[in-house]
Amino acid sequence: MIVLVGLLVITGISLFLGLRKNKLIFLTVPFISIFLYFLVQIIMVPAPFFETLKFIFSLS
């Protein structure tokens, strides 16, 4: 729940700054933060990294 609130706060702040300052870089921050969270969750799995990716995306 804390992660969800954190991502919502990051999204709100970056939307506010992106629309206020007309900089597109602020609008990419939520996507980068979600990708980094997803990557950290994959790394935390005790199986090897590429096997975990194959399992998640069903690559064989």
C-alpha atoms as a PDB file:
ATOM      1  CA  MET A   1       0.000   0.000   0.000  1.00  0.00           C
ATOM      2  CA  ILE A   2       2.883   2.343   0.752  1.00  0.00           C
ATOM      3  CA  VAL A   3       4.353   1.701  -2.699  1.00  0.00           C
ATOM      4  CA  LEU A   4       1.037   2.525  -4.361  1.00  0.00           C
ATOM      5  CA  VAL A   5       0.735   5.798  -2.450  1.00  0.00           C
ATOM      6  CA  GLY A   6       4.344   6.631  -3.275  1.00  0.00           C
ATOM      7  CA  LEU A   7       3.802   6.022  -6.987  1.00  0.00           C
ATOM      8  CA  LEU A   8       0.630   8.119  -6.898  1.00  0.00           C
ATOM      9  CA  VAL A   9       2.508  10.978  -5.210  1.00  0.00           C
ATOM     10  CA  ILE A  10       5.334  10.756  -7.764  1.00  0.00           C
ATOM     11  CA  THR A  11       2.770  10.797 -10.584  1.00  0.00           C
ATOM     12  CA  GLY A  12       0.886  13.759  -9.123  1.00  0.00           C
ATOM     13  CA  ILE A  13       4.001  15.825  -8.552  1.00  0.00           C
ATOM     14  CA  SER A  14       5.435  15.062 -11.975  1.00  0.00           C
ATOM     15  CA  LEU A  15       2.127  15.865 -13.689  1.00  0.00           C
ATOM     16  CA  PHE A  16       1.925  19.159 -11.813  1.00  0.00           C
ATOM     17  CA  LEU A  17       5.503  20.096 -12.698  1.00  0.00           C
ATOM     18  CA  GLY A  18       5.196  18.856 -16.283  1.00  0.00           C
ATOM     19  CA  LEU A  19       2.097  20.902 -16.980  1.00  0.00           C
ATOM     20  CA  ARG A  20       3.270  23.941 -15.042  1.00  0.00           C
ATOM     21  CA  LYS A  21       6.775  24.187 -16.549  1.00  0.00           C
ATOM     22  CA  ASN A  22       5.936  22.688 -19.982  1.00  0.00           C
ATOM     23  CA  LYS A  23       8.802  20.194 -19.752  1.00  0.00           C
ATOM     24  CA  LEU A  24       8.151  16.713 -21.110  1.00  0.00           C
ATOM     25  CA  ILE A  25      10.909  15.166 -18.978  1.00  0.00           C
ATOM     26  CA  PHE A  26       8.679  15.474 -15.908  1.00  0.00           C
ATOM     27  CA  LEU A  27       6.013  13.360 -17.627  1.00  0.00           C
ATOM     28  CA  THR A  28       8.426  10.436 -18.079  1.00  0.00           C
ATOM     29  CA  VAL A  29       9.270  10.219 -14.365  1.00  0.00           C
ATOM     30  CA  PRO A  30       6.225   8.051 -13.427  1.00  0.00           C
ATOM     31  CA  PHE A  31       7.048   5.539 -16.167  1.00  0.00           C
ATOM     32  CA  ILE A  32      10.674   5.341 -15.063  1.00  0.00           C
ATOM     33  CA  SER A  33       9.694   4.873 -11.423  1.00  0.00           C
ATOM     34  CA  ILE A  34       7.222   2.072 -12.254  1.00  0.00           C
ATOM     35  CA  PHE A  35       9.850   0.357 -14.439  1.00  0.00           C
ATOM     36  CA  LEU A  36      12.437   0.588 -11.647  1.00  0.00           C
ATOM     37  CA  TYR A  37       9.969  -0.846  -9.129  1.00  0.00           C
ATOM     38  CA  PHE A  38       9.191  -3.715 -11.513  1.00  0.00           C
ATOM     39  CA  LEU A  39      12.915  -4.357 -12.018  1.00  0.00           C
ATOM     40  CA  VAL A  40      13.617  -4.390  -8.269  1.00  0.00           C
ATOM     41  CA  GLN A  41      10.794  -6.889  -7.710  1.00  0.00           C
ATOM     42  CA  ILE A  42      12.253  -9.185 -10.398  1.00  0.00           C
ATOM     43  CA  ILE A  43      15.742  -8.933  -8.891  1.00  0.00           C
ATOM     44  CA  MET A  44      14.379  -9.890  -5.446  1.00  0.00           C
ATOM     45  CA  VAL A  45      13.227 -13.317  -6.752  1.00  0.00           C
ATOM     46  CA  PRO A  46      15.731 -15.977  -5.615  1.00  0.00           C
ATOM     47  CA  ALA A  47      15.820 -17.699  -9.033  1.00  0.00           C
ATOM     48  CA  PRO A  48      18.369 -16.584 -11.657  1.00  0.00           C
ATOM     49  CA  PHE A  49      17.439 -13.348 -13.402  1.00  0.00           C
ATOM     50  CA  PHE A  50      16.958 -14.645 -16.958  1.00  0.00           C
ATOM     51  CA  GLU A  51      14.999 -17.694 -15.812  1.00  0.00           C
ATOM     52  CA  THR A  52      12.706 -15.368 -13.896  1.00  0.00           C
ATOM     53  CA  LEU A  53      12.186 -13.261 -17.011  1.00  0.00           C
ATOM     54  CA  LYS A  54      11.422 -16.386 -19.045  1.00  0.00           C
ATOM     55  CA  PHE A  55       8.892 -17.463 -16.424  1.00  0.00           C
ATOM     56  CA  ILE A  56       7.201 -14.062 -16.267  1.00  0.00           C
ATOM     57  CA  PHE A  57       6.985 -13.521 -20.018  1.00  0.00           C
ATOM     58  CA  SER A  58       6.744 -17.228 -20.956  1.00  0.00           C
ATOM     59  CA  LEU A  59       9.789 -17.071 -23.213  1.00  0.00           C
ATOM     60  CA  SER A  60      11.085 -20.518 -23.986  1.00  0.00           C
END
